[in-house]
Amino acid sequence: MTSPQLVSLGPAPRPRTGTDLADRLRSLAAQAAGTGTTGLDRARVAAALDGPDVASLEVDLTGVAFGAQQKVPSMTWSPAVVSREDGTVRHVRVEAHPLTAVDLPVDVLVEAAGLRFVWVEGTDGQVGVGSVEPDDAHPVTGQARVAVSRAGLVATVHGLLAVSLQSQGITLSGLDVQIDSHGPRAAGLRIDAKVRKGFLSAAVSATASASIDAAMVLTVGDVRISSGNPLVAAMLGVVRGRVEAAANQRHDLAAALPPGVRLTDVRLDVSSDELVLSARLG
């Protein structure tokens, strides 16, 4: 097992009350956020301790906003260790209704149980924590739900794509994103864009589909990029080859997780105004 990466929580000894731990976590979040993050002063953190264990931890990030140009400072802490003490986060709940990620409001709810960690005290007089990987004897359970509005997603994609293309001298004059549900674990995507470079103007279309089977294997298929303009179609040749090579690729989501973390269900629910992605660990 690899040594855990440590993060300092301030002066030793370790927190003995939930209020102390919550205050230290707020301070840590403010340091880790760096530039481009606002609203952390409105975040709510509540914790309850039971000896070295965190009996419960609740974090509400409603109103927090993360920008596109995040600059996160290094939080590395590598002390000479005086003492270690094992602990477990018995239940953690992180929610936001909503938080904003690159101008996109995102409704988030994540719950987990059985997260192991270690308290570490260093010769520098600091105390910190490090995560401990789960295993079959110490499994992690939980669930997650992330929801975004369709209109907000299209607007965010439009803004990011327009900035990216502008750096290449290409103007994005129109964009439409269509996502269709083909069942609880399958969806189709179609993007229609209008681009302009100098005197050249054309429409570009891209399609893709994705599905997850009962074994939690993700398959990406039907990947296509095309344009009715022969000149633009020729320019897209290299990009088309690379993107379409992703078709029929299979990704075992369950196998990518460490022992003790088992993905039991993933769902994508698409309505006329909202996309909801949910997952369950068991």
Protein backbone atom coordinates (compact mmCIF):
# COMPACT_ATOMS: atom_id res chain seq x y z
CA MET A 1 0.00 0.00 0.00
CA THR A 2 1.36 3.44 -0.91
CA SER A 3 1.83 6.08 1.78
CA PRO A 4 -1.09 8.50 1.95
CA GLN A 5 -0.66 12.04 0.69
CA LEU A 6 -0.92 14.31 3.70
CA VAL A 7 -2.66 17.64 4.17
CA SER A 8 -2.02 19.86 7.18
CA LEU A 9 -4.94 21.02 9.32
CA GLY A 10 -2.96 23.41 11.48
CA PRO A 11 -1.44 23.21 14.97
CA ALA A 12 -1.44 19.91 16.88
CA PRO A 13 -3.12 18.19 18.61
CA ARG A 14 -5.87 16.86 16.35
CA PRO A 15 -9.36 18.35 16.72
CA ARG A 16 -11.31 17.04 19.70
CA THR A 17 -14.66 18.65 18.83
CA GLY A 18 -16.75 18.84 15.68
CA THR A 19 -16.66 22.64 15.80
CA ASP A 20 -12.85 22.66 15.79
CA LEU A 21 -12.72 20.24 12.84
CA ALA A 22 -15.30 22.25 10.90
CA ASP A 23 -13.33 25.48 11.43
CA ARG A 24 -10.11 23.81 10.23
CA LEU A 25 -11.82 22.38 7.15
CA ARG A 26 -13.19 25.83 6.25
CA SER A 27 -9.68 27.26 6.52
CA LEU A 28 -8.27 24.41 4.43
CA ALA A 29 -10.93 24.95 1.74
CA ALA A 30 -10.11 28.67 1.58
CA GLN A 31 -6.40 27.86 1.08
CA ALA A 32 -7.05 25.13 -1.49
CA ALA A 33 -9.56 27.14 -3.53
CA GLY A 34 -7.00 29.57 -4.88
CA THR A 35 -8.02 32.25 -7.37
CA GLY A 36 -11.20 31.99 -9.40
CA THR A 37 -13.39 30.75 -6.55
CA THR A 38 -16.00 32.89 -4.83
CA GLY A 39 -18.69 32.33 -2.22
CA LEU A 40 -16.74 30.03 0.11
CA ASP A 41 -17.59 32.35 2.98
CA ARG A 42 -21.21 31.21 2.55
CA ALA A 43 -20.36 27.50 2.66
CA ARG A 44 -21.65 25.57 5.67
CA VAL A 45 -19.59 22.87 7.38
CA ALA A 46 -20.81 20.80 10.33
CA ALA A 47 -18.99 17.85 11.90
CA ALA A 48 -19.35 15.46 14.83
CA LEU A 49 -16.43 13.49 16.27
CA ASP A 50 -16.40 10.20 18.14
CA GLY A 51 -12.83 9.64 19.30
CA PRO A 52 -10.59 9.50 16.21
CA ASP A 53 -13.61 8.85 13.96
CA VAL A 54 -15.67 11.49 12.19
CA ALA A 55 -19.18 10.31 13.02
CA SER A 56 -20.70 12.73 10.51
CA LEU A 57 -19.55 15.49 8.19
CA GLU A 58 -21.92 17.77 6.29
CA VAL A 59 -20.77 20.31 3.72
CA ASP A 60 -23.14 22.68 1.92
CA LEU A 61 -21.52 24.51 -1.03
CA THR A 62 -24.64 26.33 -2.18
CA GLY A 63 -23.61 29.67 -3.69
CA VAL A 64 -19.97 28.75 -4.30
CA ALA A 65 -18.68 29.52 -7.81
CA PHE A 66 -15.66 28.00 -9.56
CA GLY A 67 -14.19 29.88 -12.52
CA ALA A 68 -12.62 28.53 -15.71
CA GLN A 69 -9.11 29.67 -14.79
CA GLN A 70 -8.56 27.91 -11.48
CA LYS A 71 -5.08 28.33 -9.99
CA VAL A 72 -4.83 25.95 -7.05
CA PRO A 73 -1.85 26.40 -4.72
CA SER A 74 0.22 23.42 -3.63
CA MET A 75 -1.03 21.88 -0.38
CA THR A 76 1.79 19.35 0.00
CA TRP A 77 2.78 18.55 3.59
CA SER A 78 5.63 16.08 4.14
CA PRO A 79 6.49 16.11 7.85
CA ALA A 80 8.70 13.85 9.90
CA VAL A 81 5.95 11.86 11.58
CA VAL A 82 5.65 11.77 15.37
CA SER A 83 2.43 9.76 15.60
CA ARG A 84 -0.35 8.23 13.53
CA GLU A 85 -3.92 7.38 14.48
CA ASP A 86 -6.45 5.61 12.25
CA GLY A 87 -9.92 7.04 11.77
CA THR A 88 -13.04 6.57 9.68
CA VAL A 89 -15.53 9.04 8.26
CA ARG A 90 -18.68 7.10 9.02
CA HIS A 91 -20.94 9.36 6.99
CA VAL A 92 -20.26 12.38 4.79
CA ARG A 93 -22.77 14.46 2.84
CA VAL A 94 -21.75 17.13 0.34
CA GLU A 95 -24.47 19.15 -1.35
CA ALA A 96 -25.04 22.34 -3.32
CA HIS A 97 -28.34 23.75 -4.55
CA PRO A 98 -26.65 24.91 -6.68
CA LEU A 99 -22.96 25.68 -7.01
CA THR A 100 -21.68 27.32 -10.19
CA ALA A 101 -18.99 25.72 -12.34
CA VAL A 102 -17.75 27.95 -15.18
CA ASP A 103 -21.06 29.87 -15.23
CA LEU A 104 -23.11 26.63 -15.18
CA PRO A 105 -25.39 26.12 -12.15
CA VAL A 106 -24.99 22.52 -10.95
CA ASP A 107 -27.17 20.84 -8.33
CA VAL A 108 -25.04 18.32 -6.39
CA LEU A 109 -25.70 15.70 -3.75
CA VAL A 110 -23.01 13.20 -2.70
CA GLU A 111 -23.20 10.84 0.26
CA ALA A 112 -20.61 8.26 1.31
CA ALA A 113 -19.86 6.02 4.29
CA GLY A 114 -16.83 4.07 5.43
CA LEU A 115 -14.06 6.45 4.27
CA ARG A 116 -10.86 5.53 6.10
CA PHE A 117 -8.11 8.04 6.86
CA VAL A 118 -5.19 8.59 9.20
CA TRP A 119 -4.44 11.42 11.62
CA VAL A 120 -0.76 12.39 11.48
CA GLU A 121 1.21 14.61 13.85
CA GLY A 122 4.56 15.99 12.64
CA THR A 123 7.71 17.23 14.34
CA ASP A 124 6.80 20.69 13.00
CA GLY A 125 3.95 20.88 15.52
CA GLN A 126 1.27 20.46 12.86
CA VAL A 127 -1.47 17.85 12.60
CA GLY A 128 -2.96 16.63 9.37
CA VAL A 129 -4.82 13.86 7.61
CA GLY A 130 -4.21 11.43 4.80
CA SER A 131 -6.68 9.20 2.99
CA VAL A 132 -6.41 5.41 3.19
CA GLU A 133 -7.44 3.37 0.17
CA PRO A 134 -10.51 1.19 0.71
CA ASP A 135 -10.29 -2.57 0.28
CA ASP A 136 -12.64 -5.54 0.25
CA ALA A 137 -12.54 -5.72 4.04
CA HIS A 138 -13.34 -2.01 4.36
CA PRO A 139 -15.74 -1.14 1.51
CA VAL A 140 -17.09 2.32 0.73
CA THR A 141 -20.79 2.81 0.09
CA GLY A 142 -22.61 5.87 -1.16
CA GLN A 143 -24.50 7.65 -3.88
CA ALA A 144 -24.16 10.75 -6.02
CA ARG A 145 -26.54 12.94 -8.03
CA VAL A 146 -25.58 15.78 -10.36
CA ALA A 147 -28.19 17.81 -12.25
CA VAL A 148 -27.87 20.64 -14.78
CA SER A 149 -30.37 22.47 -16.93
CA ARG A 150 -30.23 21.77 -20.67
CA ALA A 151 -30.31 25.47 -21.52
CA GLY A 152 -27.49 26.22 -19.08
CA LEU A 153 -25.36 23.38 -20.44
CA VAL A 154 -25.76 24.57 -24.03
CA ALA A 155 -24.90 28.14 -23.05
CA THR A 156 -21.76 27.02 -21.19
CA VAL A 157 -20.61 24.77 -24.04
CA HIS A 158 -21.21 27.63 -26.49
CA GLY A 159 -19.11 30.02 -24.43
CA LEU A 160 -16.19 27.63 -23.91
CA LEU A 161 -16.17 26.52 -27.57
CA ALA A 162 -16.38 30.09 -28.85
CA VAL A 163 -13.34 31.13 -26.80
CA SER A 164 -11.39 28.06 -27.92
CA LEU A 165 -12.16 28.59 -31.62
CA GLN A 166 -11.53 32.33 -31.45
CA SER A 167 -7.88 31.66 -30.58
CA GLN A 168 -7.63 29.88 -33.96
CA GLY A 169 -9.29 32.70 -35.86
CA ILE A 170 -12.61 30.85 -36.12
CA THR A 171 -15.90 32.43 -35.14
CA LEU A 172 -18.70 30.29 -33.72
CA SER A 173 -21.90 31.86 -34.98
CA GLY A 174 -24.37 29.22 -33.87
CA LEU A 175 -24.62 26.09 -31.71
CA ASP A 176 -27.34 23.60 -30.90
CA VAL A 177 -26.84 20.62 -28.57
CA GLN A 178 -29.40 17.81 -28.49
CA ILE A 179 -29.26 14.99 -25.94
CA ASP A 180 -31.80 12.17 -26.23
CA SER A 181 -32.37 9.45 -23.66
CA HIS A 182 -32.38 5.90 -25.02
CA GLY A 183 -33.10 4.35 -21.63
CA PRO A 184 -31.80 4.78 -18.09
CA ARG A 185 -28.22 3.98 -19.14
CA ALA A 186 -28.06 5.10 -22.76
CA ALA A 187 -28.13 8.44 -24.56
CA GLY A 188 -27.46 9.99 -27.94
CA LEU A 189 -25.74 13.32 -28.56
CA ARG A 190 -25.97 15.60 -31.59
CA ILE A 191 -24.17 18.92 -31.96
CA ASP A 192 -24.89 21.30 -34.83
CA ALA A 193 -22.59 24.30 -35.13
CA LYS A 194 -22.08 27.14 -37.57
CA VAL A 195 -18.52 28.40 -37.94
CA ARG A 196 -16.86 31.15 -39.93
CA LYS A 197 -13.24 31.84 -40.81
CA GLY A 198 -12.59 34.79 -43.08
CA PHE A 199 -14.90 34.50 -46.07
CA LEU A 200 -15.54 30.80 -45.41
CA SER A 201 -18.73 29.86 -43.55
CA ALA A 202 -20.13 26.39 -42.99
CA ALA A 203 -22.22 24.12 -40.81
CA VAL A 204 -20.59 21.31 -38.86
CA SER A 205 -22.40 18.39 -37.24
CA ALA A 206 -21.17 15.86 -34.68
CA THR A 207 -22.99 12.83 -33.30
CA ALA A 208 -22.20 10.21 -30.67
CA SER A 209 -23.94 7.67 -28.48
CA ALA A 210 -23.06 6.11 -25.14
CA SER A 211 -24.46 3.23 -23.13
CA ILE A 212 -23.62 1.41 -19.89
CA ASP A 213 -24.52 -2.25 -19.50
CA ALA A 214 -25.37 -4.21 -16.35
CA ALA A 215 -21.68 -4.99 -15.81
CA MET A 216 -20.94 -1.24 -15.68
CA VAL A 217 -19.09 -1.23 -19.02
CA LEU A 218 -19.36 2.04 -20.96
CA THR A 219 -19.51 1.77 -24.75
CA VAL A 220 -19.13 4.84 -26.95
CA GLY A 221 -20.41 4.48 -30.51
CA ASP A 222 -21.83 6.23 -33.57
CA VAL A 223 -19.18 8.95 -33.43
CA ARG A 224 -19.32 11.11 -36.55
CA ILE A 225 -18.16 14.59 -37.60
CA SER A 226 -19.33 16.01 -40.90
CA SER A 227 -19.88 19.20 -42.89
CA GLY A 228 -21.86 19.94 -46.03
CA ASN A 229 -19.08 22.25 -47.19
CA PRO A 230 -16.43 20.17 -49.06
CA LEU A 231 -13.63 22.53 -48.08
CA VAL A 232 -14.52 22.43 -44.39
CA ALA A 233 -15.05 18.67 -44.60
CA ALA A 234 -11.51 18.31 -45.93
CA MET A 235 -10.17 20.51 -43.12
CA LEU A 236 -11.95 18.26 -40.63
CA GLY A 237 -10.30 15.14 -42.05
CA VAL A 238 -7.58 14.76 -39.41
CA VAL A 239 -9.88 15.65 -36.53
CA ARG A 240 -12.60 13.34 -37.87
CA GLY A 241 -10.22 10.39 -37.97
CA ARG A 242 -9.13 10.88 -34.39
CA VAL A 243 -12.62 11.43 -33.02
CA GLU A 244 -14.29 8.62 -34.94
CA ALA A 245 -11.57 6.26 -33.70
CA ALA A 246 -13.28 6.58 -30.32
CA ALA A 247 -16.31 4.74 -31.71
CA ASN A 248 -17.05 1.33 -30.23
CA GLN A 249 -14.51 1.81 -27.45
CA ARG A 250 -15.40 -0.06 -24.25
CA HIS A 251 -14.47 1.23 -20.80
CA ASP A 252 -14.92 -1.00 -17.74
CA LEU A 253 -15.96 1.54 -15.11
CA ALA A 254 -16.07 -1.03 -12.31
CA ALA A 255 -12.56 -2.32 -13.06
CA ALA A 256 -11.15 1.21 -12.93
CA LEU A 257 -12.12 1.54 -9.26
CA PRO A 258 -9.90 0.32 -6.39
CA PRO A 259 -10.80 -2.72 -4.28
CA GLY A 260 -13.53 -1.87 -1.81
CA VAL A 261 -15.29 0.54 -4.18
CA ARG A 262 -17.99 -1.17 -6.24
CA LEU A 263 -20.10 0.73 -8.75
CA THR A 264 -23.55 -0.84 -8.67
CA ASP A 265 -25.63 1.52 -10.79
CA VAL A 266 -25.35 4.54 -13.08
CA ARG A 267 -28.29 6.42 -14.60
CA LEU A 268 -28.75 9.33 -16.97
CA ASP A 269 -32.21 10.86 -16.90
CA VAL A 270 -32.96 13.37 -19.64
CA SER A 271 -36.05 15.57 -19.55
CA SER A 272 -37.08 18.55 -21.62
CA ASP A 273 -35.30 20.95 -19.29
CA GLU A 274 -32.82 18.98 -17.14
CA LEU A 275 -30.07 16.34 -17.28
CA VAL A 276 -29.53 14.23 -14.16
CA LEU A 277 -26.59 11.87 -13.73
CA SER A 278 -26.72 9.55 -10.72
CA ALA A 279 -24.49 6.76 -9.45
CA ARG A 280 -24.49 4.32 -6.56
CA LEU A 281 -21.65 2.57 -4.76
CA GLY A 282 -22.31 -0.60 -2.79
